[in-house]
Amino acid sequence: MNRVFVLLPVHNRAVTTSRFAEMLREQSHQAFQLVLLDDGSRDGTAEAVARILVGDQLHVISGQGDWWWAGALQAGLDWLRAVPLNQGDVVLIINDDVEIAPEFLESGVRVLMAHPDSVVLARLRDPRSGAVSESGVHVDFSRWVIATAQEGEPVNCGSTRGLFLKRTDLGRIGGFRPRWLPHYLSDYEFTMRAHRRGLNIVTVPEVALIPDYETTGLRAIPSDLSWSAALHELFSKRSSGNPVYWTNFILLTCPWRYLFKNLLRVWWGAVLSLHRRRAA
């Protein structure tokens, strides 16, 4: 049976992480090890999970609170290099704030093994309707459009909120880039690099999960902040619109012929958003 190493970055979400561990405990595919990448939690997250998963099903790697998403995952990949390799080993990168069915691991492994030179990206289902809300992402640098791939449109990017890959392909892809992209966009850069290096991004209906959008980071800057506070939030690591990290993302992924134009778009957009706030 294929071993599945579940890489799970966490920080101070004992209740959320425990709920995810309970869903792992109920999986039909029990040949897994949760690699809990605990980035300095002080709420007893690791201890809570250890009461649910025991023995070889849990390994905890502890950080000091400065890893963020990419740093935590890189710590997991660094640890994994020292683990003896079995042919057929699978790595699953996932969030703890998701709902997965008992056959999630089994389905992901089966689909991954049926598709050579591929990674398998879990589809996202709407928490209310159950309808598919995302089945991979298509990035068009020529028009600077990053959007959910439509039917028939190629998928060249995706999140790591449920990404299955063969452990033997990690050397082909490489690791994360915590200094360039510590949090947001680190998953997009990773999956785009996998795609550029010859791995197809596969999504199928039977591999799906339900995300909790309420527990994610800073997607929009609150309108009641002062101009200086808004500026600070825009450039924080929690901000999905941080123009510094968008610049790094473009430098790492964008074809040269579109590079300068897209950098201008990012910084002009940041200036306009701050100008509109100041005018208001």
C-alpha atoms as a PDB file:
ATOM      1  CA  MET A   1       0.000   0.000   0.000  1.00  0.00           C
ATOM      2  CA  ASN A   2       1.290   3.465  -0.896  1.00  0.00           C
ATOM      3  CA  ARG A   3       2.521   5.485   2.064  1.00  0.00           C
ATOM      4  CA  VAL A   4       1.106   9.004   2.167  1.00  0.00           C
ATOM      5  CA  PHE A   5       3.095  11.725   3.922  1.00  0.00           C
ATOM      6  CA  VAL A   6       0.600  14.468   4.790  1.00  0.00           C
ATOM      7  CA  LEU A   7       2.441  17.790   5.106  1.00  0.00           C
ATOM      8  CA  LEU A   8       0.295  20.102   7.235  1.00  0.00           C
ATOM      9  CA  PRO A   9       1.483  23.604   8.228  1.00  0.00           C
ATOM     10  CA  VAL A  10      -0.312  24.858  11.356  1.00  0.00           C
ATOM     11  CA  HIS A  11      -0.159  27.773  13.772  1.00  0.00           C
ATOM     12  CA  ASN A  12      -2.352  28.219  16.854  1.00  0.00           C
ATOM     13  CA  ARG A  13      -5.464  26.471  15.532  1.00  0.00           C
ATOM     14  CA  ALA A  14      -5.827  23.563  17.928  1.00  0.00           C
ATOM     15  CA  VAL A  15      -9.557  23.115  17.336  1.00  0.00           C
ATOM     16  CA  THR A  16      -9.310  23.342  13.536  1.00  0.00           C
ATOM     17  CA  THR A  17      -6.235  21.110  13.363  1.00  0.00           C
ATOM     18  CA  SER A  18      -7.771  18.542  15.716  1.00  0.00           C
ATOM     19  CA  ARG A  19     -10.866  18.349  13.536  1.00  0.00           C
ATOM     20  CA  PHE A  20      -8.654  17.658  10.517  1.00  0.00           C
ATOM     21  CA  ALA A  21      -6.743  14.966  12.438  1.00  0.00           C
ATOM     22  CA  GLU A  22     -10.045  13.292  13.268  1.00  0.00           C
ATOM     23  CA  MET A  23     -10.913  13.205   9.563  1.00  0.00           C
ATOM     24  CA  LEU A  24      -7.540  11.592   8.864  1.00  0.00           C
ATOM     25  CA  ARG A  25      -8.224   8.981  11.514  1.00  0.00           C
ATOM     26  CA  GLU A  26     -11.397   8.008   9.619  1.00  0.00           C
ATOM     27  CA  GLN A  27      -9.705   7.589   6.235  1.00  0.00           C
ATOM     28  CA  SER A  28     -10.168   4.328   4.339  1.00  0.00           C
ATOM     29  CA  HIS A  29      -6.474   4.543   3.370  1.00  0.00           C
ATOM     30  CA  GLN A  30      -4.655   4.161   6.683  1.00  0.00           C
ATOM     31  CA  ALA A  31      -1.057   3.993   5.400  1.00  0.00           C
ATOM     32  CA  PHE A  32      -0.391   7.649   6.156  1.00  0.00           C
ATOM     33  CA  GLN A  33       1.812   9.742   8.380  1.00  0.00           C
ATOM     34  CA  LEU A  34       0.743  13.229   9.343  1.00  0.00           C
ATOM     35  CA  VAL A  35       3.803  15.477   9.332  1.00  0.00           C
ATOM     36  CA  LEU A  36       2.575  18.292  11.552  1.00  0.00           C
ATOM     37  CA  LEU A  37       4.580  21.416  10.715  1.00  0.00           C
ATOM     38  CA  ASP A  38       3.807  23.324  13.892  1.00  0.00           C
ATOM     39  CA  ASP A  39       5.099  26.864  13.484  1.00  0.00           C
ATOM     40  CA  GLY A  40       5.392  27.978  17.089  1.00  0.00           C
ATOM     41  CA  SER A  41       1.850  27.211  18.275  1.00  0.00           C
ATOM     42  CA  ARG A  42       1.198  28.100  21.911  1.00  0.00           C
ATOM     43  CA  ASP A  43      -2.330  26.766  22.188  1.00  0.00           C
ATOM     44  CA  GLY A  44      -1.457  23.082  22.523  1.00  0.00           C
ATOM     45  CA  THR A  45      -2.044  22.223  18.861  1.00  0.00           C
ATOM     46  CA  ALA A  46       0.543  19.432  18.711  1.00  0.00           C
ATOM     47  CA  GLU A  47      -0.579  17.949  22.027  1.00  0.00           C
ATOM     48  CA  ALA A  48      -4.217  17.953  20.896  1.00  0.00           C
ATOM     49  CA  VAL A  49      -3.362  16.133  17.662  1.00  0.00           C
ATOM     50  CA  ALA A  50      -1.222  13.605  19.566  1.00  0.00           C
ATOM     51  CA  ARG A  51      -4.350  12.568  21.484  1.00  0.00           C
ATOM     52  CA  ILE A  52      -6.018  11.672  18.176  1.00  0.00           C
ATOM     53  CA  LEU A  53      -3.240  10.150  16.076  1.00  0.00           C
ATOM     54  CA  VAL A  54      -0.763   7.851  17.784  1.00  0.00           C
ATOM     55  CA  GLY A  55       2.430   6.001  16.942  1.00  0.00           C
ATOM     56  CA  ASP A  56       3.808   6.260  13.423  1.00  0.00           C
ATOM     57  CA  GLN A  57       0.753   8.125  12.163  1.00  0.00           C
ATOM     58  CA  LEU A  58       2.103  11.393  13.568  1.00  0.00           C
ATOM     59  CA  HIS A  59       5.420  13.198  13.353  1.00  0.00           C
ATOM     60  CA  VAL A  60       5.746  16.743  14.684  1.00  0.00           C
ATOM     61  CA  ILE A  61       8.277  19.289  13.420  1.00  0.00           C
ATOM     62  CA  SER A  62       8.345  22.454  15.512  1.00  0.00           C
ATOM     63  CA  GLY A  63       9.224  25.960  14.392  1.00  0.00           C
ATOM     64  CA  GLN A  64       9.551  29.278  16.190  1.00  0.00           C
ATOM     65  CA  GLY A  65       6.632  31.122  14.599  1.00  0.00           C
ATOM     66  CA  ASP A  66       8.509  32.626  11.654  1.00  0.00           C
ATOM     67  CA  TRP A  67       8.079  29.941   8.993  1.00  0.00           C
ATOM     68  CA  TRP A  68       4.823  31.040   7.414  1.00  0.00           C
ATOM     69  CA  TRP A  69       3.385  28.705   4.751  1.00  0.00           C
ATOM     70  CA  ALA A  70       6.375  28.224   2.465  1.00  0.00           C
ATOM     71  CA  GLY A  71       8.886  27.973   5.310  1.00  0.00           C
ATOM     72  CA  ALA A  72       6.816  25.326   7.064  1.00  0.00           C
ATOM     73  CA  LEU A  73       6.480  23.237   3.915  1.00  0.00           C
ATOM     74  CA  GLN A  74      10.177  23.567   3.167  1.00  0.00           C
ATOM     75  CA  ALA A  75      10.939  22.287   6.676  1.00  0.00           C
ATOM     76  CA  GLY A  76       8.746  19.291   5.896  1.00  0.00           C
ATOM     77  CA  LEU A  77      10.507  18.622   2.590  1.00  0.00           C
ATOM     78  CA  ASP A  78      13.908  18.922   4.290  1.00  0.00           C
ATOM     79  CA  TRP A  79      12.847  16.337   6.888  1.00  0.00           C
ATOM     80  CA  LEU A  80      11.438  14.045   4.208  1.00  0.00           C
ATOM     81  CA  ARG A  81      14.806  13.842   2.444  1.00  0.00           C
ATOM     82  CA  ALA A  82      16.186  11.869   5.405  1.00  0.00           C
ATOM     83  CA  VAL A  83      13.321   9.332   5.393  1.00  0.00           C
ATOM     84  CA  PRO A  84      14.117   6.123   3.466  1.00  0.00           C
ATOM     85  CA  LEU A  85      12.320   6.158   0.134  1.00  0.00           C
ATOM     86  CA  ASN A  86       9.818   3.474  -0.836  1.00  0.00           C
ATOM     87  CA  GLN A  87       8.695   3.297  -4.440  1.00  0.00           C
ATOM     88  CA  GLY A  88       5.098   4.471  -4.526  1.00  0.00           C
ATOM     89  CA  ASP A  89       5.451   6.976  -1.677  1.00  0.00           C
ATOM     90  CA  VAL A  90       3.026   9.881  -2.018  1.00  0.00           C
ATOM     91  CA  VAL A  91       3.137  13.396  -0.560  1.00  0.00           C
ATOM     92  CA  LEU A  92      -0.043  15.329   0.170  1.00  0.00           C
ATOM     93  CA  ILE A  93       0.210  19.047   0.871  1.00  0.00           C
ATOM     94  CA  ILE A  94      -2.976  20.334   2.467  1.00  0.00           C
ATOM     95  CA  ASN A  95      -4.572  22.921   4.773  1.00  0.00           C
ATOM     96  CA  ASP A  96      -6.141  22.015   8.091  1.00  0.00           C
ATOM     97  CA  ASP A  97      -9.211  24.212   7.481  1.00  0.00           C
ATOM     98  CA  VAL A  98     -10.830  21.820   5.010  1.00  0.00           C
ATOM     99  CA  GLU A  99     -13.394  19.052   5.105  1.00  0.00           C
ATOM    100  CA  ILE A 100     -12.424  15.766   3.464  1.00  0.00           C
ATOM    101  CA  ALA A 101     -14.445  12.605   2.903  1.00  0.00           C
ATOM    102  CA  PRO A 102     -13.254   9.251   4.344  1.00  0.00           C
ATOM    103  CA  GLU A 103     -12.113   8.102   0.877  1.00  0.00           C
ATOM    104  CA  PHE A 104     -10.136  11.273   0.126  1.00  0.00           C
ATOM    105  CA  LEU A 105      -6.654   9.752   0.515  1.00  0.00           C
ATOM    106  CA  GLU A 106      -7.644   6.555  -1.255  1.00  0.00           C
ATOM    107  CA  SER A 107      -9.071   8.437  -4.234  1.00  0.00           C
ATOM    108  CA  GLY A 108      -6.122  10.822  -4.466  1.00  0.00           C
ATOM    109  CA  VAL A 109      -3.569   8.015  -4.459  1.00  0.00           C
ATOM    110  CA  ARG A 110      -5.511   5.990  -7.017  1.00  0.00           C
ATOM    111  CA  VAL A 111      -5.808   8.898  -9.451  1.00  0.00           C
ATOM    112  CA  LEU A 112      -2.184   9.925  -8.972  1.00  0.00           C
ATOM    113  CA  MET A 113      -0.908   6.430  -9.725  1.00  0.00           C
ATOM    114  CA  ALA A 114      -3.106   6.227 -12.818  1.00  0.00           C
ATOM    115  CA  HIS A 115      -1.569   9.396 -14.307  1.00  0.00           C
ATOM    116  CA  PRO A 116       2.188   9.257 -15.026  1.00  0.00           C
ATOM    117  CA  ASP A 117       4.058  12.565 -14.981  1.00  0.00           C
ATOM    118  CA  SER A 118       1.292  14.316 -13.083  1.00  0.00           C
ATOM    119  CA  VAL A 119       0.272  15.887  -9.824  1.00  0.00           C
ATOM    120  CA  VAL A 120      -3.330  15.682  -8.619  1.00  0.00           C
ATOM    121  CA  LEU A 121      -5.052  18.824  -7.387  1.00  0.00           C
ATOM    122  CA  ALA A 122      -8.161  18.468  -5.244  1.00  0.00           C
ATOM    123  CA  ARG A 123     -11.164  20.330  -6.547  1.00  0.00           C
ATOM    124  CA  LEU A 124     -12.765  22.841  -4.196  1.00  0.00           C
ATOM    125  CA  ARG A 125     -16.454  22.572  -3.439  1.00  0.00           C
ATOM    126  CA  ASP A 126     -18.595  25.411  -2.141  1.00  0.00           C
ATOM    127  CA  PRO A 127     -19.347  24.950   1.588  1.00  0.00           C
ATOM    128  CA  ARG A 128     -23.017  25.827   1.057  1.00  0.00           C
ATOM    129  CA  SER A 129     -24.045  24.390  -2.308  1.00  0.00           C
ATOM    130  CA  GLY A 130     -21.445  21.649  -2.764  1.00  0.00           C
ATOM    131  CA  ALA A 131     -20.865  22.835  -6.329  1.00  0.00           C
ATOM    132  CA  VAL A 132     -17.302  22.936  -7.665  1.00  0.00           C
ATOM    133  CA  SER A 133     -15.893  26.422  -7.047  1.00  0.00           C
ATOM    134  CA  GLU A 134     -12.378  25.762  -8.325  1.00  0.00           C
ATOM    135  CA  SER A 135     -10.827  23.018 -10.434  1.00  0.00           C
ATOM    136  CA  GLY A 136      -7.383  24.434 -11.015  1.00  0.00           C
ATOM    137  CA  VAL A 137      -6.129  27.809 -12.193  1.00  0.00           C
ATOM    138  CA  HIS A 138      -5.095  29.157 -15.577  1.00  0.00           C
ATOM    139  CA  VAL A 139      -2.506  31.951 -15.658  1.00  0.00           C
ATOM    140  CA  ASP A 140      -2.338  34.084 -18.812  1.00  0.00           C
ATOM    141  CA  PHE A 141       0.649  36.403 -18.502  1.00  0.00           C
ATOM    142  CA  SER A 142      -0.052  38.086 -21.840  1.00  0.00           C
ATOM    143  CA  ARG A 143      -3.266  39.586 -20.411  1.00  0.00           C
ATOM    144  CA  TRP A 144      -2.289  39.348 -16.721  1.00  0.00           C
ATOM    145  CA  VAL A 145      -5.276  37.172 -15.921  1.00  0.00           C
ATOM    146  CA  ILE A 146      -5.148  34.624 -13.081  1.00  0.00           C
ATOM    147  CA  ALA A 147      -8.478  32.873 -12.786  1.00  0.00           C
ATOM    148  CA  THR A 148     -10.186  29.541 -12.213  1.00  0.00           C
ATOM    149  CA  ALA A 149      -9.708  27.412 -15.298  1.00  0.00           C
ATOM    150  CA  GLN A 150     -12.880  27.113 -17.353  1.00  0.00           C
ATOM    151  CA  GLU A 151     -14.092  23.940 -19.019  1.00  0.00           C
ATOM    152  CA  GLY A 152     -11.571  22.964 -21.700  1.00  0.00           C
ATOM    153  CA  GLU A 153      -9.023  25.570 -20.586  1.00  0.00           C
ATOM    154  CA  PRO A 154      -5.588  24.195 -19.622  1.00  0.00           C
ATOM    155  CA  VAL A 155      -4.674  24.128 -15.939  1.00  0.00           C
ATOM    156  CA  ASN A 156      -1.141  25.437 -15.424  1.00  0.00           C
ATOM    157  CA  CYS A 157      -1.380  26.469 -11.771  1.00  0.00           C
ATOM    158  CA  GLY A 158      -3.088  25.539  -8.529  1.00  0.00           C
ATOM    159  CA  SER A 159      -3.080  25.879  -4.782  1.00  0.00           C
ATOM    160  CA  THR A 160      -1.544  23.507  -2.271  1.00  0.00           C
ATOM    161  CA  ARG A 161      -4.878  23.167  -0.473  1.00  0.00           C
ATOM    162  CA  GLY A 162      -4.958  19.473  -1.363  1.00  0.00           C
ATOM    163  CA  LEU A 163      -2.103  18.583  -3.735  1.00  0.00           C
ATOM    164  CA  PHE A 164      -1.011  14.961  -4.264  1.00  0.00           C
ATOM    165  CA  LEU A 165       2.382  14.261  -5.824  1.00  0.00           C
ATOM    166  CA  LYS A 166       4.728  11.323  -6.086  1.00  0.00           C
ATOM    167  CA  ARG A 167       7.619  11.598  -3.675  1.00  0.00           C
ATOM    168  CA  THR A 168      10.030  10.684  -6.485  1.00  0.00           C
ATOM    169  CA  ASP A 169       8.937  13.857  -8.340  1.00  0.00           C
ATOM    170  CA  LEU A 170      10.070  16.195  -5.558  1.00  0.00           C
ATOM    171  CA  GLY A 171      13.606  16.276  -6.954  1.00  0.00           C
ATOM    172  CA  ARG A 172      12.175  17.209 -10.323  1.00  0.00           C
ATOM    173  CA  ILE A 173      10.124  20.084  -8.935  1.00  0.00           C
ATOM    174  CA  GLY A 174      12.427  21.429  -6.240  1.00  0.00           C
ATOM    175  CA  GLY A 175      11.413  23.059  -2.985  1.00  0.00           C
ATOM    176  CA  PHE A 176       9.609  26.189  -1.896  1.00  0.00           C
ATOM    177  CA  ARG A 177      11.123  29.690  -1.816  1.00  0.00           C
ATOM    178  CA  PRO A 178      10.384  31.085   1.666  1.00  0.00           C
ATOM    179  CA  ARG A 179      12.458  34.248   1.234  1.00  0.00           C
ATOM    180  CA  TRP A 180      10.888  35.210  -2.069  1.00  0.00           C
ATOM    181  CA  LEU A 181       7.342  34.041  -1.314  1.00  0.00           C
ATOM    182  CA  PRO A 182       6.862  33.289   2.395  1.00  0.00           C
ATOM    183  CA  HIS A 183       3.093  32.815   2.267  1.00  0.00           C
ATOM    184  CA  TYR A 184       0.685  33.822  -0.497  1.00  0.00           C
ATOM    185  CA  LEU A 185       1.637  32.864  -4.070  1.00  0.00           C
ATOM    186  CA  SER A 186       4.155  30.273  -2.846  1.00  0.00           C
ATOM    187  CA  ASP A 187       1.744  27.505  -3.860  1.00  0.00           C
ATOM    188  CA  TYR A 188       1.078  29.046  -7.279  1.00  0.00           C
ATOM    189  CA  GLU A 189       4.786  29.363  -7.980  1.00  0.00           C
ATOM    190  CA  PHE A 190       5.400  25.771  -6.850  1.00  0.00           C
ATOM    191  CA  THR A 191       2.672  24.267  -9.033  1.00  0.00           C
ATOM    192  CA  MET A 192       3.588  26.415 -12.033  1.00  0.00           C
ATOM    193  CA  ARG A 193       7.171  25.196 -11.715  1.00  0.00           C
ATOM    194  CA  ALA A 194       5.949  21.606 -11.563  1.00  0.00           C
ATOM    195  CA  HIS A 195       3.951  22.214 -14.740  1.00  0.00           C
ATOM    196  CA  ARG A 196       6.897  23.837 -16.532  1.00  0.00           C
ATOM    197  CA  ARG A 197       9.031  20.811 -15.642  1.00  0.00           C
ATOM    198  CA  GLY A 198       6.717  18.403 -17.362  1.00  0.00           C
ATOM    199  CA  LEU A 199       4.125  17.440 -14.749  1.00  0.00           C
ATOM    200  CA  ASN A 200       0.483  17.746 -15.767  1.00  0.00           C
ATOM    201  CA  ILE A 201      -1.944  19.151 -13.211  1.00  0.00           C
ATOM    202  CA  VAL A 202      -4.861  16.702 -13.009  1.00  0.00           C
ATOM    203  CA  THR A 203      -8.202  17.455 -11.368  1.00  0.00           C
ATOM    204  CA  VAL A 204     -11.082  14.978 -11.211  1.00  0.00           C
ATOM    205  CA  PRO A 205     -14.497  15.028  -9.487  1.00  0.00           C
ATOM    206  CA  GLU A 206     -13.691  12.175  -7.093  1.00  0.00           C
ATOM    207  CA  VAL A 207     -10.804  14.078  -5.481  1.00  0.00           C
ATOM    208  CA  ALA A 208     -12.437  17.088  -3.853  1.00  0.00           C
ATOM    209  CA  LEU A 209     -12.603  18.924  -0.543  1.00  0.00           C
ATOM    210  CA  ILE A 210     -14.600  21.696   1.091  1.00  0.00           C
ATOM    211  CA  PRO A 211     -12.541  24.710   2.258  1.00  0.00           C
ATOM    212  CA  ASP A 212     -13.337  27.066   5.121  1.00  0.00           C
ATOM    213  CA  TYR A 213     -12.813  30.505   3.600  1.00  0.00           C
ATOM    214  CA  GLU A 214     -13.422  32.220   6.939  1.00  0.00           C
ATOM    215  CA  THR A 215     -10.107  31.024   8.394  1.00  0.00           C
ATOM    216  CA  THR A 216      -7.769  32.281   5.674  1.00  0.00           C
ATOM    217  CA  GLY A 217      -5.463  35.285   5.983  1.00  0.00           C
ATOM    218  CA  LEU A 218      -5.865  38.908   4.971  1.00  0.00           C
ATOM    219  CA  ARG A 219      -7.627  39.003   1.592  1.00  0.00           C
ATOM    220  CA  ALA A 220      -8.974  42.560   1.785  1.00  0.00           C
ATOM    221  CA  ILE A 221      -7.767  45.517   3.821  1.00  0.00           C
ATOM    222  CA  PRO A 222     -10.495  46.753   6.195  1.00  0.00           C
ATOM    223  CA  SER A 223     -12.008  50.030   5.012  1.00  0.00           C
ATOM    224  CA  ASP A 224     -11.960  51.649   8.461  1.00  0.00           C
ATOM    225  CA  LEU A 225      -8.154  51.663   8.772  1.00  0.00           C
ATOM    226  CA  SER A 226      -6.183  54.887   8.613  1.00  0.00           C
ATOM    227  CA  TRP A 227      -4.081  55.468   5.508  1.00  0.00           C
ATOM    228  CA  SER A 228      -0.836  54.615   7.313  1.00  0.00           C
ATOM    229  CA  ALA A 229      -2.327  51.491   8.862  1.00  0.00           C
ATOM    230  CA  ALA A 230      -3.644  50.420   5.460  1.00  0.00           C
ATOM    231  CA  LEU A 231      -0.181  50.896   3.986  1.00  0.00           C
ATOM    232  CA  HIS A 232       1.291  48.711   6.719  1.00  0.00           C
ATOM    233  CA  GLU A 233      -1.315  46.007   6.105  1.00  0.00           C
ATOM    234  CA  LEU A 234      -0.765  46.071   2.340  1.00  0.00           C
ATOM    235  CA  PHE A 235       2.927  45.279   2.774  1.00  0.00           C
ATOM    236  CA  SER A 236       2.467  42.662   5.491  1.00  0.00           C
ATOM    237  CA  LYS A 237       3.103  38.963   4.895  1.00  0.00           C
ATOM    238  CA  ARG A 238      -0.565  38.315   5.633  1.00  0.00           C
ATOM    239  CA  SER A 239      -1.679  40.422   2.686  1.00  0.00           C
ATOM    240  CA  SER A 240      -2.585  38.564  -0.502  1.00  0.00           C
ATOM    241  CA  GLY A 241      -2.108  41.837  -2.410  1.00  0.00           C
ATOM    242  CA  ASN A 242       1.411  42.650  -1.181  1.00  0.00           C
ATOM    243  CA  PRO A 243       3.077  44.147  -4.295  1.00  0.00           C
ATOM    244  CA  VAL A 244       6.559  43.031  -3.190  1.00  0.00           C
ATOM    245  CA  TYR A 245       5.540  39.371  -3.271  1.00  0.00           C
ATOM    246  CA  TRP A 246       3.625  39.843  -6.499  1.00  0.00           C
ATOM    247  CA  THR A 247       6.846  41.284  -7.937  1.00  0.00           C
ATOM    248  CA  ASN A 248       8.772  38.233  -6.777  1.00  0.00           C
ATOM    249  CA  PHE A 249       6.106  35.944  -8.213  1.00  0.00           C
ATOM    250  CA  ILE A 250       6.375  37.640 -11.604  1.00  0.00           C
ATOM    251  CA  LEU A 251      10.171  37.488 -11.559  1.00  0.00           C
ATOM    252  CA  LEU A 252      10.033  33.751 -10.831  1.00  0.00           C
ATOM    253  CA  THR A 253       7.294  32.751 -13.257  1.00  0.00           C
ATOM    254  CA  CYS A 254       6.592  35.313 -15.970  1.00  0.00           C
ATOM    255  CA  PRO A 255       7.996  35.003 -19.520  1.00  0.00           C
ATOM    256  CA  TRP A 256      10.452  37.778 -20.222  1.00  0.00           C
ATOM    257  CA  ARG A 257       8.356  39.386 -22.970  1.00  0.00           C
ATOM    258  CA  TYR A 258       5.581  40.157 -20.458  1.00  0.00           C
ATOM    259  CA  LEU A 259       7.760  40.891 -17.440  1.00  0.00           C
ATOM    260  CA  PHE A 260       8.026  44.687 -17.468  1.00  0.00           C
ATOM    261  CA  LYS A 261       4.376  45.232 -18.406  1.00  0.00           C
ATOM    262  CA  ASN A 262       3.135  43.025 -15.582  1.00  0.00           C
ATOM    263  CA  LEU A 263       5.436  44.618 -13.014  1.00  0.00           C
ATOM    264  CA  LEU A 264       3.978  47.985 -13.994  1.00  0.00           C
ATOM    265  CA  ARG A 265       0.471  46.591 -13.609  1.00  0.00           C
ATOM    266  CA  VAL A 266       1.203  45.347 -10.085  1.00  0.00           C
ATOM    267  CA  TRP A 267       2.728  48.554  -8.796  1.00  0.00           C
ATOM    268  CA  TRP A 268       0.314  50.860 -10.570  1.00  0.00           C
ATOM    269  CA  GLY A 269      -2.551  48.876  -9.068  1.00  0.00           C
ATOM    270  CA  ALA A 270      -1.038  49.214  -5.581  1.00  0.00           C
ATOM    271  CA  VAL A 271      -0.588  52.977  -6.011  1.00  0.00           C
ATOM    272  CA  LEU A 272      -4.163  53.401  -7.257  1.00  0.00           C
ATOM    273  CA  SER A 273      -5.633  51.437  -4.376  1.00  0.00           C
ATOM    274  CA  LEU A 274      -3.778  53.565  -1.821  1.00  0.00           C
ATOM    275  CA  HIS A 275      -4.664  56.778  -3.673  1.00  0.00           C
ATOM    276  CA  ARG A 276      -8.367  55.913  -3.670  1.00  0.00           C
ATOM    277  CA  ARG A 277      -8.199  55.192   0.053  1.00  0.00           C
ATOM    278  CA  ARG A 278      -6.444  58.488   0.761  1.00  0.00           C
ATOM    279  CA  ALA A 279      -8.956  60.407  -1.356  1.00  0.00           C
ATOM    280  CA  ALA A 280     -11.815  58.809   0.529  1.00  0.00           C
END
